[in-house]
Amino acid sequence: MLGTPAEIIDRLKRLASGVGYVLLVDPARSPAALQTFAREIMPALAE
């Protein structure tokens, strides 16, 4: 998925009933992308 953290959170929440795991793949291997995912997206999905 591409987009802002808020857009990705929204899309993942809509898929939540059928998704057990999310695989993060970052072809650029950007530590900043992983940090953003961990800091902004993961907590929103843990609710």
PDB file of N, CA and C in Angstrom:
ATOM      1  N   MET A   1       0.839  -1.171   0.000  1.00  0.00           N
ATOM      2  CA  MET A   1       0.000   0.000   0.000  1.00  0.00           C
ATOM      3  C   MET A   1       0.883   1.232   0.000  1.00  0.00           C
ATOM      4  N   LEU A   2       0.431   2.196  -0.710  1.00  0.00           N
ATOM      5  CA  LEU A   2       1.127   3.469  -0.749  1.00  0.00           C
ATOM      6  C   LEU A   2       0.183   4.543  -0.240  1.00  0.00           C
ATOM      7  N   GLY A   3       0.738   5.539   0.421  1.00  0.00           N
ATOM      8  CA  GLY A   3      -0.069   6.646   0.908  1.00  0.00           C
ATOM      9  C   GLY A   3       0.462   7.172   2.219  1.00  0.00           C
ATOM     10  N   THR A   4      -0.277   8.082   2.774  1.00  0.00           N
ATOM     11  CA  THR A   4       0.086   8.631   4.073  1.00  0.00           C
ATOM     12  C   THR A   4      -0.213   7.584   5.147  1.00  0.00           C
ATOM     13  N   PRO A   5       0.372   7.730   6.328  1.00  0.00           N
ATOM     14  CA  PRO A   5       0.025   6.800   7.396  1.00  0.00           C
ATOM     15  C   PRO A   5      -1.486   6.713   7.633  1.00  0.00           C
ATOM     16  N   ALA A   6      -2.177   7.840   7.601  1.00  0.00           N
ATOM     17  CA  ALA A   6      -3.630   7.842   7.820  1.00  0.00           C
ATOM     18  C   ALA A   6      -4.357   7.051   6.737  1.00  0.00           C
ATOM     19  N   GLU A   7      -3.934   7.186   5.487  1.00  0.00           N
ATOM     20  CA  GLU A   7      -4.558   6.443   4.391  1.00  0.00           C
ATOM     21  C   GLU A   7      -4.308   4.945   4.528  1.00  0.00           C
ATOM     22  N   ILE A   8      -3.096   4.581   4.900  1.00  0.00           N
ATOM     23  CA  ILE A   8      -2.764   3.172   5.065  1.00  0.00           C
ATOM     24  C   ILE A   8      -3.531   2.578   6.242  1.00  0.00           C
ATOM     25  N   ILE A   9      -3.623   3.303   7.339  1.00  0.00           N
ATOM     26  CA  ILE A   9      -4.392   2.846   8.503  1.00  0.00           C
ATOM     27  C   ILE A   9      -5.837   2.595   8.103  1.00  0.00           C
ATOM     28  N   ASP A  10      -6.424   3.526   7.370  1.00  0.00           N
ATOM     29  CA  ASP A  10      -7.811   3.384   6.941  1.00  0.00           C
ATOM     30  C   ASP A  10      -7.997   2.126   6.095  1.00  0.00           C
ATOM     31  N   ARG A  11      -7.107   1.903   5.134  1.00  0.00           N
ATOM     32  CA  ARG A  11      -7.224   0.733   4.264  1.00  0.00           C
ATOM     33  C   ARG A  11      -7.043  -0.566   5.051  1.00  0.00           C
ATOM     34  N   LEU A  12      -6.070  -0.584   5.954  1.00  0.00           N
ATOM     35  CA  LEU A  12      -5.835  -1.794   6.741  1.00  0.00           C
ATOM     36  C   LEU A  12      -6.991  -2.090   7.690  1.00  0.00           C
ATOM     37  N   LYS A  13      -7.593  -1.046   8.246  1.00  0.00           N
ATOM     38  CA  LYS A  13      -8.746  -1.275   9.127  1.00  0.00           C
ATOM     39  C   LYS A  13      -9.921  -1.854   8.358  1.00  0.00           C
ATOM     40  N   ARG A  14     -10.090  -1.449   7.104  1.00  0.00           N
ATOM     41  CA  ARG A  14     -11.166  -2.010   6.286  1.00  0.00           C
ATOM     42  C   ARG A  14     -10.923  -3.474   5.963  1.00  0.00           C
ATOM     43  N   LEU A  15      -9.666  -3.880   5.934  1.00  0.00           N
ATOM     44  CA  LEU A  15      -9.317  -5.268   5.655  1.00  0.00           C
ATOM     45  C   LEU A  15      -9.233  -6.109   6.921  1.00  0.00           C
ATOM     46  N   ALA A  16      -9.344  -5.504   8.076  1.00  0.00           N
ATOM     47  CA  ALA A  16      -9.045  -6.152   9.356  1.00  0.00           C
ATOM     48  C   ALA A  16      -9.790  -7.464   9.579  1.00  0.00           C
ATOM     49  N   SER A  17     -11.006  -7.580   9.109  1.00  0.00           N
ATOM     50  CA  SER A  17     -11.770  -8.791   9.389  1.00  0.00           C
ATOM     51  C   SER A  17     -11.184 -10.019   8.696  1.00  0.00           C
ATOM     52  N   GLY A  18     -10.444  -9.832   7.628  1.00  0.00           N
ATOM     53  CA  GLY A  18      -9.902 -10.978   6.912  1.00  0.00           C
ATOM     54  C   GLY A  18      -8.391 -11.079   6.932  1.00  0.00           C
ATOM     55  N   VAL A  19      -7.722 -10.179   7.641  1.00  0.00           N
ATOM     56  CA  VAL A  19      -6.267 -10.145   7.626  1.00  0.00           C
ATOM     57  C   VAL A  19      -5.725 -10.488   8.999  1.00  0.00           C
ATOM     58  N   GLY A  20      -4.808 -11.438   9.040  1.00  0.00           N
ATOM     59  CA  GLY A  20      -4.190 -11.803  10.304  1.00  0.00           C
ATOM     60  C   GLY A  20      -2.801 -11.212  10.463  1.00  0.00           C
ATOM     61  N   TYR A  21      -2.129 -10.986   9.336  1.00  0.00           N
ATOM     62  CA  TYR A  21      -0.760 -10.473   9.364  1.00  0.00           C
ATOM     63  C   TYR A  21      -0.582  -9.436   8.256  1.00  0.00           C
ATOM     64  N   VAL A  22       0.354  -8.536   8.472  1.00  0.00           N
ATOM     65  CA  VAL A  22       0.723  -7.558   7.453  1.00  0.00           C
ATOM     66  C   VAL A  22       2.224  -7.686   7.237  1.00  0.00           C
ATOM     67  N   LEU A  23       2.635  -7.816   6.006  1.00  0.00           N
ATOM     68  CA  LEU A  23       4.041  -7.918   5.669  1.00  0.00           C
ATOM     69  C   LEU A  23       4.508  -6.575   5.124  1.00  0.00           C
ATOM     70  N   LEU A  24       5.490  -6.005   5.766  1.00  0.00           N
ATOM     71  CA  LEU A  24       6.043  -4.732   5.320  1.00  0.00           C
ATOM     72  C   LEU A  24       7.240  -5.011   4.427  1.00  0.00           C
ATOM     73  N   VAL A  25       7.165  -4.548   3.195  1.00  0.00           N
ATOM     74  CA  VAL A  25       8.262  -4.696   2.249  1.00  0.00           C
ATOM     75  C   VAL A  25       8.618  -3.303   1.762  1.00  0.00           C
ATOM     76  N   ASP A  26       9.856  -2.941   1.953  1.00  0.00           N
ATOM     77  CA  ASP A  26      10.332  -1.632   1.521  1.00  0.00           C
ATOM     78  C   ASP A  26      11.535  -1.843   0.598  1.00  0.00           C
ATOM     79  N   PRO A  27      11.306  -1.820  -0.718  1.00  0.00           N
ATOM     80  CA  PRO A  27      12.407  -2.048  -1.655  1.00  0.00           C
ATOM     81  C   PRO A  27      13.574  -1.079  -1.466  1.00  0.00           C
ATOM     82  N   ALA A  28      13.293   0.115  -0.970  1.00  0.00           N
ATOM     83  CA  ALA A  28      14.357   1.099  -0.767  1.00  0.00           C
ATOM     84  C   ALA A  28      15.137   0.839   0.519  1.00  0.00           C
ATOM     85  N   ARG A  29      14.624  -0.074   1.362  1.00  0.00           N
ATOM     86  CA  ARG A  29      15.266  -0.396   2.644  1.00  0.00           C
ATOM     87  C   ARG A  29      15.500   0.855   3.482  1.00  0.00           C
ATOM     88  N   SER A  30      14.462   1.636   3.591  1.00  0.00           N
ATOM     89  CA  SER A  30      14.532   2.905   4.305  1.00  0.00           C
ATOM     90  C   SER A  30      14.220   2.724   5.788  1.00  0.00           C
ATOM     91  N   PRO A  31      15.192   2.969   6.663  1.00  0.00           N
ATOM     92  CA  PRO A  31      14.906   2.898   8.096  1.00  0.00           C
ATOM     93  C   PRO A  31      13.787   3.862   8.511  1.00  0.00           C
ATOM     94  N   ALA A  32      13.694   4.996   7.832  1.00  0.00           N
ATOM     95  CA  ALA A  32      12.650   5.972   8.154  1.00  0.00           C
ATOM     96  C   ALA A  32      11.264   5.409   7.875  1.00  0.00           C
ATOM     97  N   ALA A  33      11.109   4.643   6.801  1.00  0.00           N
ATOM     98  CA  ALA A  33       9.805   4.050   6.475  1.00  0.00           C
ATOM     99  C   ALA A  33       9.412   3.033   7.545  1.00  0.00           C
ATOM    100  N   LEU A  34      10.358   2.224   7.984  1.00  0.00           N
ATOM    101  CA  LEU A  34      10.079   1.245   9.028  1.00  0.00           C
ATOM    102  C   LEU A  34       9.732   1.943  10.343  1.00  0.00           C
ATOM    103  N   GLN A  35      10.443   3.003  10.664  1.00  0.00           N
ATOM    104  CA  GLN A  35      10.155   3.759  11.885  1.00  0.00           C
ATOM    105  C   GLN A  35       8.773   4.386  11.825  1.00  0.00           C
ATOM    106  N   THR A  36       8.399   4.928  10.682  1.00  0.00           N
ATOM    107  CA  THR A  36       7.071   5.518  10.527  1.00  0.00           C
ATOM    108  C   THR A  36       5.997   4.449  10.693  1.00  0.00           C
ATOM    109  N   PHE A  37       6.210   3.291  10.093  1.00  0.00           N
ATOM    110  CA  PHE A  37       5.249   2.200  10.218  1.00  0.00           C
ATOM    111  C   PHE A  37       5.099   1.793  11.681  1.00  0.00           C
ATOM    112  N   ALA A  38       6.219   1.633  12.367  1.00  0.00           N
ATOM    113  CA  ALA A  38       6.190   1.206  13.772  1.00  0.00           C
ATOM    114  C   ALA A  38       5.602   2.273  14.692  1.00  0.00           C
ATOM    115  N   ARG A  39       5.887   3.510  14.433  1.00  0.00           N
ATOM    116  CA  ARG A  39       5.457   4.608  15.308  1.00  0.00           C
ATOM    117  C   ARG A  39       4.020   5.046  15.053  1.00  0.00           C
ATOM    118  N   GLU A  40       3.590   5.062  13.795  1.00  0.00           N
ATOM    119  CA  GLU A  40       2.294   5.647  13.469  1.00  0.00           C
ATOM    120  C   GLU A  40       1.218   4.637  13.068  1.00  0.00           C
ATOM    121  N   ILE A  41       1.604   3.589  12.383  1.00  0.00           N
ATOM    122  CA  ILE A  41       0.603   2.666  11.841  1.00  0.00           C
ATOM    123  C   ILE A  41       0.313   1.511  12.804  1.00  0.00           C
ATOM    124  N   MET A  42       1.349   0.867  13.301  1.00  0.00           N
ATOM    125  CA  MET A  42       1.140  -0.285  14.190  1.00  0.00           C
ATOM    126  C   MET A  42       0.293   0.042  15.416  1.00  0.00           C
ATOM    127  N   PRO A  43       0.552   1.148  16.121  1.00  0.00           N
ATOM    128  CA  PRO A  43      -0.286   1.448  17.285  1.00  0.00           C
ATOM    129  C   PRO A  43      -1.757   1.643  16.932  1.00  0.00           C
ATOM    130  N   ALA A  44      -2.027   2.217  15.782  1.00  0.00           N
ATOM    131  CA  ALA A  44      -3.419   2.462  15.381  1.00  0.00           C
ATOM    132  C   ALA A  44      -4.151   1.153  15.095  1.00  0.00           C
ATOM    133  N   LEU A  45      -3.415   0.118  14.732  1.00  0.00           N
ATOM    134  CA  LEU A  45      -4.031  -1.171  14.419  1.00  0.00           C
ATOM    135  C   LEU A  45      -4.129  -2.072  15.644  1.00  0.00           C
ATOM    136  N   ALA A  46      -3.439  -1.723  16.700  1.00  0.00           N
ATOM    137  CA  ALA A  46      -3.439  -2.549  17.913  1.00  0.00           C
ATOM    138  C   ALA A  46      -4.688  -2.333  18.747  1.00  0.00           C
ATOM    139  N   GLU A  47      -5.468  -1.322  18.419  1.00  0.00           N
ATOM    140  CA  GLU A  47      -6.669  -0.985  19.197  1.00  0.00           C
ATOM    141  C   GLU A  47      -7.710  -2.058  19.128  1.00  0.00           C
TER     142      GLU A  47
END
